[in-house]
Amino acid sequence: MAFPKLPALKSRRRTVGPRPGTPTKPPGHFLQRSGLAQAQVRHVEALVAQTFRIRHEDLRASTRGAACVALARQVAMYHCNTTLGLPLTQVGHFFDRDRTTVGHACRIVEDMRDDVTFNGIMSCLERAILAVPSPSTADCHPSLPSSQPHADVANAPGRMSNG
């Protein structure tokens, strides 16, 4: 008795990518749709950069950078997701990171909020983010004194000194 010939495995495999006939979305379609979200993210970036005493450009750097810069970027991504309610994918597009990296940042920051000092800094940032009603331009900045960032940032967990 002969066994029936099985179809080749190749014909049963699904190819990677969208199915034929499925409309595809262009890369960065979130950015095209939401100028308001981009302005809100810029606002969060400005607040976090000021709080952590780093340059605004460092938050969007393609490399990890110093530990204090990486922590500040994680805090910014955390607030974009939790405070602004933006999806992980959209936050990732804004920071040129993968959504899984944004999720990891949110978990790290959430774990660090067990520290009372760090939680106080996060609460102040949340209030500052929510204090400005729906920014309509990318250059909106809070009216906080730039020379006096939060005093406890230098003592926050994960903050490294430059010396």
N, C-alpha and C. Protein backbone atom coordinates (compact mmCIF):
# COMPACT_ATOMS: atom_id res chain seq x y z
N MET A 1 0.85 -1.18 0.00
CA MET A 1 0.00 0.00 0.00
C MET A 1 0.90 1.24 0.00
N ALA A 2 0.66 2.11 -0.90
CA ALA A 2 1.48 3.32 -1.05
C ALA A 2 0.81 4.49 -0.33
N PHE A 3 1.65 5.31 0.26
CA PHE A 3 1.14 6.51 0.92
C PHE A 3 0.86 7.57 -0.12
N PRO A 4 -0.21 8.37 0.11
CA PRO A 4 -0.48 9.43 -0.86
C PRO A 4 0.61 10.51 -0.78
N LYS A 5 0.86 11.12 -1.89
CA LYS A 5 1.88 12.16 -1.95
C LYS A 5 1.34 13.43 -1.27
N LEU A 6 2.13 13.96 -0.31
CA LEU A 6 1.73 15.16 0.41
C LEU A 6 2.14 16.39 -0.39
N PRO A 7 1.33 17.46 -0.28
CA PRO A 7 1.73 18.69 -0.98
C PRO A 7 3.01 19.25 -0.36
N ALA A 8 3.76 19.92 -1.17
CA ALA A 8 5.02 20.49 -0.70
C ALA A 8 4.76 21.49 0.42
N LEU A 9 5.64 21.50 1.40
CA LEU A 9 5.50 22.40 2.54
C LEU A 9 5.56 23.86 2.11
N LYS A 10 6.31 24.13 1.06
CA LYS A 10 6.45 25.49 0.59
C LYS A 10 5.11 26.12 0.23
N SER A 11 4.21 25.35 -0.33
CA SER A 11 2.92 25.90 -0.74
C SER A 11 2.01 26.21 0.45
N ARG A 12 2.30 25.66 1.60
CA ARG A 12 1.46 25.90 2.77
C ARG A 12 1.97 27.07 3.61
N ARG A 13 3.19 27.50 3.40
CA ARG A 13 3.73 28.60 4.18
C ARG A 13 3.15 29.93 3.76
N ARG A 14 2.92 30.76 4.74
CA ARG A 14 2.46 32.10 4.46
C ARG A 14 3.67 33.01 4.36
N THR A 15 3.68 33.85 3.40
CA THR A 15 4.81 34.74 3.24
C THR A 15 4.71 35.88 4.25
N VAL A 16 5.85 36.46 4.55
CA VAL A 16 5.91 37.59 5.48
C VAL A 16 5.42 38.83 4.77
N GLY A 17 4.64 39.63 5.48
CA GLY A 17 4.13 40.87 4.90
C GLY A 17 2.62 40.85 4.82
N PRO A 18 2.05 41.93 4.31
CA PRO A 18 0.59 42.00 4.24
C PRO A 18 0.04 41.04 3.18
N ARG A 19 -1.16 40.64 3.36
CA ARG A 19 -1.82 39.77 2.38
C ARG A 19 -2.09 40.56 1.11
N PRO A 20 -2.10 39.88 -0.01
CA PRO A 20 -2.38 40.58 -1.27
C PRO A 20 -3.74 41.27 -1.21
N GLY A 21 -3.77 42.51 -1.67
CA GLY A 21 -5.02 43.26 -1.69
C GLY A 21 -5.29 44.06 -0.43
N THR A 22 -4.46 43.86 0.62
CA THR A 22 -4.63 44.60 1.87
C THR A 22 -3.96 45.96 1.74
N PRO A 23 -4.69 47.05 2.01
CA PRO A 23 -4.05 48.37 1.91
C PRO A 23 -2.98 48.51 2.99
N THR A 24 -1.85 49.09 2.62
CA THR A 24 -0.76 49.29 3.57
C THR A 24 -0.70 50.75 3.98
N LYS A 25 -0.23 50.98 5.19
CA LYS A 25 -0.08 52.34 5.70
C LYS A 25 1.37 52.75 5.53
N PRO A 26 1.60 53.99 5.11
CA PRO A 26 2.99 54.43 4.94
C PRO A 26 3.68 54.55 6.28
N PRO A 27 5.02 54.38 6.31
CA PRO A 27 5.75 54.55 7.57
C PRO A 27 5.53 55.97 8.10
N GLY A 28 5.34 56.09 9.40
CA GLY A 28 5.14 57.40 10.01
C GLY A 28 3.74 57.95 9.82
N HIS A 29 2.76 57.09 9.48
CA HIS A 29 1.40 57.60 9.25
C HIS A 29 0.80 58.23 10.50
N PHE A 30 1.30 57.84 11.70
CA PHE A 30 0.82 58.47 12.93
C PHE A 30 1.19 59.95 12.94
N LEU A 31 2.40 60.24 12.46
CA LEU A 31 2.88 61.62 12.49
C LEU A 31 2.08 62.51 11.54
N GLN A 32 1.67 61.95 10.40
CA GLN A 32 0.90 62.72 9.45
C GLN A 32 -0.47 63.06 10.00
N ARG A 33 -1.01 62.16 10.78
CA ARG A 33 -2.38 62.31 11.26
C ARG A 33 -2.48 63.21 12.47
N SER A 34 -1.41 63.36 13.22
CA SER A 34 -1.56 64.01 14.50
C SER A 34 -0.46 65.04 14.78
N GLY A 35 -0.67 66.26 14.28
CA GLY A 35 0.24 67.34 14.62
C GLY A 35 0.10 67.73 16.08
N LEU A 36 -1.11 67.56 16.62
CA LEU A 36 -1.35 67.89 18.03
C LEU A 36 -0.53 66.98 18.93
N ALA A 37 -0.51 65.68 18.62
CA ALA A 37 0.27 64.75 19.43
C ALA A 37 1.75 65.10 19.37
N GLN A 38 2.22 65.52 18.20
CA GLN A 38 3.62 65.90 18.06
C GLN A 38 3.94 67.11 18.93
N ALA A 39 3.05 68.08 18.99
CA ALA A 39 3.25 69.25 19.85
C ALA A 39 3.25 68.85 21.32
N GLN A 40 2.38 67.91 21.69
CA GLN A 40 2.34 67.46 23.08
C GLN A 40 3.63 66.72 23.45
N VAL A 41 4.15 65.91 22.53
CA VAL A 41 5.39 65.18 22.79
C VAL A 41 6.55 66.17 22.93
N ARG A 42 6.58 67.19 22.10
CA ARG A 42 7.63 68.22 22.21
C ARG A 42 7.55 68.91 23.58
N HIS A 43 6.34 69.14 24.04
CA HIS A 43 6.15 69.76 25.36
C HIS A 43 6.70 68.85 26.46
N VAL A 44 6.40 67.56 26.39
CA VAL A 44 6.92 66.60 27.37
C VAL A 44 8.45 66.57 27.31
N GLU A 45 8.99 66.55 26.10
CA GLU A 45 10.44 66.54 25.95
C GLU A 45 11.08 67.77 26.60
N ALA A 46 10.48 68.93 26.40
CA ALA A 46 11.02 70.16 26.98
C ALA A 46 11.00 70.11 28.51
N LEU A 47 9.90 69.62 29.07
CA LEU A 47 9.81 69.52 30.53
C LEU A 47 10.82 68.53 31.09
N VAL A 48 10.94 67.37 30.45
CA VAL A 48 11.85 66.33 30.95
C VAL A 48 13.30 66.80 30.80
N ALA A 49 13.64 67.40 29.68
CA ALA A 49 15.01 67.90 29.48
C ALA A 49 15.37 68.94 30.53
N GLN A 50 14.42 69.81 30.83
CA GLN A 50 14.65 70.85 31.85
C GLN A 50 14.80 70.22 33.23
N THR A 51 13.96 69.26 33.54
CA THR A 51 13.99 68.62 34.85
C THR A 51 15.27 67.84 35.07
N PHE A 52 15.73 67.12 34.05
CA PHE A 52 16.93 66.29 34.18
C PHE A 52 18.22 67.03 33.79
N ARG A 53 18.10 68.31 33.46
CA ARG A 53 19.25 69.14 33.12
C ARG A 53 20.07 68.57 31.96
N ILE A 54 19.38 68.18 30.91
CA ILE A 54 20.06 67.69 29.72
C ILE A 54 19.58 68.49 28.52
N ARG A 55 20.30 68.36 27.42
CA ARG A 55 19.89 69.06 26.20
C ARG A 55 18.71 68.34 25.57
N HIS A 56 17.81 69.12 25.02
CA HIS A 56 16.61 68.59 24.38
C HIS A 56 16.97 67.61 23.27
N GLU A 57 18.04 67.89 22.52
CA GLU A 57 18.45 67.06 21.40
C GLU A 57 18.89 65.67 21.86
N ASP A 58 19.39 65.57 23.10
CA ASP A 58 19.86 64.28 23.61
C ASP A 58 18.73 63.26 23.76
N LEU A 59 17.52 63.74 23.97
CA LEU A 59 16.39 62.82 24.12
C LEU A 59 16.09 62.09 22.81
N ARG A 60 16.38 62.71 21.69
CA ARG A 60 16.10 62.10 20.39
C ARG A 60 17.34 61.52 19.72
N ALA A 61 18.43 61.43 20.45
CA ALA A 61 19.66 60.88 19.89
C ALA A 61 19.44 59.42 19.48
N SER A 62 20.13 59.01 18.43
CA SER A 62 19.95 57.64 17.94
C SER A 62 20.67 56.62 18.82
N THR A 63 21.64 57.08 19.63
CA THR A 63 22.34 56.18 20.53
C THR A 63 21.78 56.32 21.94
N ARG A 64 22.13 55.35 22.78
CA ARG A 64 21.62 55.33 24.15
C ARG A 64 22.10 56.54 24.93
N GLY A 65 23.39 56.86 24.82
CA GLY A 65 23.94 58.00 25.54
C GLY A 65 24.27 57.65 26.98
N ALA A 66 24.53 58.67 27.77
CA ALA A 66 24.84 58.48 29.19
C ALA A 66 23.61 57.94 29.92
N ALA A 67 23.84 57.36 31.09
CA ALA A 67 22.75 56.76 31.86
C ALA A 67 21.68 57.79 32.21
N CYS A 68 22.10 59.01 32.55
CA CYS A 68 21.12 60.03 32.92
C CYS A 68 20.27 60.42 31.71
N VAL A 69 20.85 60.40 30.51
CA VAL A 69 20.10 60.71 29.29
C VAL A 69 19.12 59.58 28.98
N ALA A 70 19.58 58.34 29.14
CA ALA A 70 18.71 57.19 28.89
C ALA A 70 17.52 57.20 29.84
N LEU A 71 17.78 57.51 31.11
CA LEU A 71 16.69 57.58 32.08
C LEU A 71 15.71 58.69 31.72
N ALA A 72 16.23 59.84 31.34
CA ALA A 72 15.35 60.96 30.95
C ALA A 72 14.50 60.58 29.74
N ARG A 73 15.09 59.89 28.77
CA ARG A 73 14.34 59.45 27.59
C ARG A 73 13.24 58.46 27.99
N GLN A 74 13.57 57.55 28.91
CA GLN A 74 12.57 56.59 29.39
C GLN A 74 11.43 57.31 30.10
N VAL A 75 11.76 58.32 30.88
CA VAL A 75 10.73 59.10 31.57
C VAL A 75 9.85 59.82 30.56
N ALA A 76 10.46 60.40 29.54
CA ALA A 76 9.68 61.10 28.52
C ALA A 76 8.75 60.13 27.79
N MET A 77 9.26 58.96 27.42
CA MET A 77 8.42 57.98 26.73
C MET A 77 7.29 57.49 27.65
N TYR A 78 7.61 57.30 28.92
CA TYR A 78 6.61 56.88 29.91
C TYR A 78 5.47 57.89 29.98
N HIS A 79 5.80 59.18 30.08
CA HIS A 79 4.76 60.21 30.18
C HIS A 79 3.96 60.36 28.89
N CYS A 80 4.62 60.17 27.76
CA CYS A 80 3.88 60.23 26.49
C CYS A 80 2.84 59.11 26.43
N ASN A 81 3.20 57.95 26.97
CA ASN A 81 2.27 56.83 26.95
C ASN A 81 1.21 56.95 28.04
N THR A 82 1.62 57.21 29.27
CA THR A 82 0.67 57.19 30.38
C THR A 82 -0.09 58.50 30.56
N THR A 83 0.63 59.61 30.56
CA THR A 83 -0.02 60.90 30.82
C THR A 83 -0.78 61.40 29.60
N LEU A 84 -0.16 61.29 28.42
CA LEU A 84 -0.83 61.75 27.20
C LEU A 84 -1.74 60.69 26.59
N GLY A 85 -1.53 59.43 26.96
CA GLY A 85 -2.37 58.35 26.45
C GLY A 85 -2.06 57.93 25.02
N LEU A 86 -0.84 58.20 24.55
CA LEU A 86 -0.47 57.82 23.19
C LEU A 86 -0.10 56.34 23.17
N PRO A 87 -0.43 55.63 22.10
CA PRO A 87 -0.07 54.21 22.01
C PRO A 87 1.44 54.02 21.90
N LEU A 88 1.93 52.85 22.33
CA LEU A 88 3.36 52.56 22.32
C LEU A 88 3.97 52.74 20.94
N THR A 89 3.27 52.32 19.91
CA THR A 89 3.78 52.43 18.55
C THR A 89 3.99 53.88 18.16
N GLN A 90 3.04 54.73 18.49
CA GLN A 90 3.15 56.14 18.15
C GLN A 90 4.29 56.81 18.93
N VAL A 91 4.41 56.50 20.20
CA VAL A 91 5.51 57.04 21.00
C VAL A 91 6.84 56.59 20.42
N GLY A 92 6.91 55.33 20.01
CA GLY A 92 8.13 54.82 19.39
C GLY A 92 8.50 55.58 18.14
N HIS A 93 7.50 55.93 17.32
CA HIS A 93 7.77 56.71 16.11
C HIS A 93 8.35 58.07 16.45
N PHE A 94 7.80 58.71 17.47
CA PHE A 94 8.27 60.04 17.85
C PHE A 94 9.72 60.01 18.34
N PHE A 95 10.09 58.96 19.05
CA PHE A 95 11.44 58.87 19.61
C PHE A 95 12.36 58.00 18.76
N ASP A 96 11.90 57.58 17.61
CA ASP A 96 12.67 56.73 16.70
C ASP A 96 13.13 55.45 17.41
N ARG A 97 12.19 54.84 18.13
CA ARG A 97 12.44 53.60 18.86
C ARG A 97 11.32 52.61 18.54
N ASP A 98 11.57 51.35 18.81
CA ASP A 98 10.57 50.32 18.62
C ASP A 98 9.55 50.37 19.76
N ARG A 99 8.34 49.90 19.50
CA ARG A 99 7.30 49.91 20.53
C ARG A 99 7.69 49.07 21.73
N THR A 100 8.47 48.00 21.52
CA THR A 100 8.89 47.17 22.65
C THR A 100 9.87 47.92 23.54
N THR A 101 10.66 48.80 22.96
CA THR A 101 11.58 49.64 23.74
C THR A 101 10.78 50.61 24.60
N VAL A 102 9.71 51.16 24.05
CA VAL A 102 8.85 52.07 24.80
C VAL A 102 8.18 51.31 25.96
N GLY A 103 7.71 50.10 25.69
CA GLY A 103 7.11 49.28 26.74
C GLY A 103 8.09 48.98 27.85
N HIS A 104 9.33 48.68 27.48
CA HIS A 104 10.38 48.42 28.47
C HIS A 104 10.62 49.67 29.31
N ALA A 105 10.68 50.84 28.66
CA ALA A 105 10.89 52.09 29.38
C ALA A 105 9.76 52.33 30.39
N CYS A 106 8.53 52.05 29.98
CA CYS A 106 7.39 52.25 30.88
C CYS A 106 7.48 51.32 32.09
N ARG A 107 7.91 50.08 31.89
CA ARG A 107 8.06 49.16 33.02
C ARG A 107 9.17 49.61 33.97
N ILE A 108 10.28 50.07 33.40
CA ILE A 108 11.40 50.53 34.22
C ILE A 108 10.99 51.72 35.08
N VAL A 109 10.35 52.70 34.46
CA VAL A 109 9.94 53.90 35.20
C VAL A 109 8.89 53.55 36.24
N GLU A 110 7.96 52.68 35.90
CA GLU A 110 6.92 52.28 36.86
C GLU A 110 7.55 51.60 38.07
N ASP A 111 8.56 50.77 37.86
CA ASP A 111 9.25 50.13 38.98
C ASP A 111 10.00 51.16 39.83
N MET A 112 10.57 52.17 39.20
CA MET A 112 11.32 53.18 39.93
C MET A 112 10.41 54.10 40.74
N ARG A 113 9.12 54.12 40.41
CA ARG A 113 8.19 54.99 41.14
C ARG A 113 7.95 54.51 42.56
N ASP A 114 8.48 53.35 42.92
CA ASP A 114 8.40 52.89 44.31
C ASP A 114 9.23 53.78 45.23
N ASP A 115 10.25 54.43 44.67
CA ASP A 115 11.07 55.37 45.42
C ASP A 115 10.28 56.67 45.62
N VAL A 116 10.18 57.14 46.85
CA VAL A 116 9.37 58.31 47.18
C VAL A 116 9.84 59.56 46.45
N THR A 117 11.14 59.78 46.40
CA THR A 117 11.69 60.98 45.75
C THR A 117 11.40 60.95 44.25
N PHE A 118 11.69 59.81 43.63
CA PHE A 118 11.45 59.68 42.19
C PHE A 118 9.97 59.82 41.87
N ASN A 119 9.11 59.24 42.70
CA ASN A 119 7.67 59.35 42.50
C ASN A 119 7.21 60.81 42.60
N GLY A 120 7.82 61.57 43.51
CA GLY A 120 7.49 62.99 43.62
C GLY A 120 7.86 63.76 42.36
N ILE A 121 9.01 63.43 41.78
CA ILE A 121 9.42 64.07 40.54
C ILE A 121 8.45 63.72 39.41
N MET A 122 8.06 62.46 39.35
CA MET A 122 7.11 62.02 38.31
C MET A 122 5.76 62.70 38.47
N SER A 123 5.32 62.86 39.71
CA SER A 123 4.04 63.52 39.96
C SER A 123 4.09 64.99 39.54
N CYS A 124 5.22 65.65 39.83
CA CYS A 124 5.38 67.05 39.41
C CYS A 124 5.38 67.16 37.89
N LEU A 125 6.05 66.25 37.23
CA LEU A 125 6.06 66.26 35.76
C LEU A 125 4.65 66.03 35.21
N GLU A 126 3.91 65.10 35.79
CA GLU A 126 2.54 64.84 35.33
C GLU A 126 1.69 66.10 35.44
N ARG A 127 1.79 66.78 36.60
CA ARG A 127 1.02 68.01 36.79
C ARG A 127 1.42 69.08 35.78
N ALA A 128 2.72 69.20 35.53
CA ALA A 128 3.19 70.20 34.57
C ALA A 128 2.73 69.87 33.15
N ILE A 129 2.72 68.61 32.80
CA ILE A 129 2.27 68.19 31.46
C ILE A 129 0.79 68.49 31.29
N LEU A 130 0.02 68.18 32.32
CA LEU A 130 -1.43 68.38 32.23
C LEU A 130 -1.85 69.84 32.45
N ALA A 131 -0.94 70.67 32.96
CA ALA A 131 -1.27 72.07 33.23
C ALA A 131 -1.43 72.89 31.96
N VAL A 132 -0.74 72.50 30.91
CA VAL A 132 -0.82 73.23 29.65
C VAL A 132 -1.91 72.59 28.81
N PRO A 133 -3.00 73.31 28.52
CA PRO A 133 -4.11 72.73 27.77
C PRO A 133 -3.77 72.58 26.29
N SER A 134 -3.85 71.38 25.79
CA SER A 134 -3.71 71.04 24.37
C SER A 134 -2.86 72.01 23.57
N PRO A 135 -1.56 71.86 23.59
CA PRO A 135 -0.72 72.76 22.81
C PRO A 135 -1.02 72.64 21.32
N SER A 136 -0.94 73.75 20.62
CA SER A 136 -1.25 73.72 19.19
C SER A 136 -0.03 73.97 18.33
N THR A 137 1.12 74.27 18.95
CA THR A 137 2.34 74.46 18.20
C THR A 137 3.45 73.64 18.83
N ALA A 138 4.47 73.35 18.04
CA ALA A 138 5.58 72.53 18.54
C ALA A 138 6.51 73.31 19.44
N ASP A 139 6.38 74.63 19.50
CA ASP A 139 7.31 75.41 20.30
C ASP A 139 6.70 75.90 21.61
N CYS A 140 5.69 75.22 22.14
CA CYS A 140 5.13 75.65 23.41
C CYS A 140 6.01 75.12 24.53
N HIS A 141 6.38 75.98 25.43
CA HIS A 141 7.22 75.60 26.55
C HIS A 141 6.57 76.09 27.83
N PRO A 142 6.78 75.38 28.92
CA PRO A 142 6.19 75.79 30.20
C PRO A 142 6.85 77.06 30.71
N SER A 143 6.16 77.75 31.57
CA SER A 143 6.71 78.98 32.13
C SER A 143 7.40 78.69 33.45
N LEU A 144 8.29 77.69 33.43
CA LEU A 144 9.06 77.35 34.62
C LEU A 144 10.45 77.96 34.49
N PRO A 145 11.05 78.38 35.58
CA PRO A 145 12.39 78.96 35.48
C PRO A 145 13.39 77.90 35.04
N SER A 146 14.12 78.17 33.95
CA SER A 146 15.02 77.17 33.39
C SER A 146 16.26 76.96 34.25
N SER A 147 16.62 77.92 35.08
CA SER A 147 17.82 77.77 35.89
C SER A 147 17.55 77.03 37.20
N GLN A 148 16.31 76.75 37.51
CA GLN A 148 15.99 76.09 38.76
C GLN A 148 15.20 74.80 38.54
N PRO A 149 15.82 73.73 37.99
CA PRO A 149 15.09 72.48 37.86
C PRO A 149 14.83 71.87 39.24
N HIS A 150 14.04 70.85 39.25
CA HIS A 150 13.65 70.21 40.50
C HIS A 150 14.89 69.83 41.29
N ALA A 151 14.95 70.20 42.54
CA ALA A 151 16.14 70.02 43.36
C ALA A 151 16.48 68.55 43.61
N ASP A 152 15.49 67.67 43.59
CA ASP A 152 15.73 66.27 43.92
C ASP A 152 16.18 65.43 42.72
N VAL A 153 16.25 66.00 41.53
CA VAL A 153 16.64 65.22 40.36
C VAL A 153 18.05 64.69 40.51
N ALA A 154 18.94 65.52 41.06
CA ALA A 154 20.34 65.10 41.21
C ALA A 154 20.46 63.90 42.14
N ASN A 155 19.51 63.71 43.05
CA ASN A 155 19.56 62.60 43.99
C ASN A 155 18.65 61.44 43.60
N ALA A 156 18.03 61.53 42.43
CA ALA A 156 17.10 60.48 42.02
C ALA A 156 17.84 59.19 41.74
N PRO A 157 17.19 58.04 41.94
CA PRO A 157 17.83 56.75 41.65
C PRO A 157 18.19 56.70 40.17
N GLY A 158 19.36 56.16 39.87
CA GLY A 158 19.78 56.03 38.49
C GLY A 158 20.48 57.25 37.96
N ARG A 159 20.48 58.34 38.69
CA ARG A 159 21.13 59.58 38.25
C ARG A 159 22.62 59.45 38.52
N MET A 160 23.42 59.63 37.50
CA MET A 160 24.87 59.51 37.65
C MET A 160 25.49 60.90 37.63
N SER A 161 26.49 61.09 38.43
CA SER A 161 27.17 62.38 38.44
C SER A 161 28.17 62.43 37.29
N ASN A 162 28.53 63.61 36.89
CA ASN A 162 29.47 63.78 35.78
C ASN A 162 30.91 63.78 36.25
N GLY A 163 31.19 63.46 37.50
CA GLY A 163 32.55 63.54 38.01
C GLY A 163 33.12 62.26 38.45
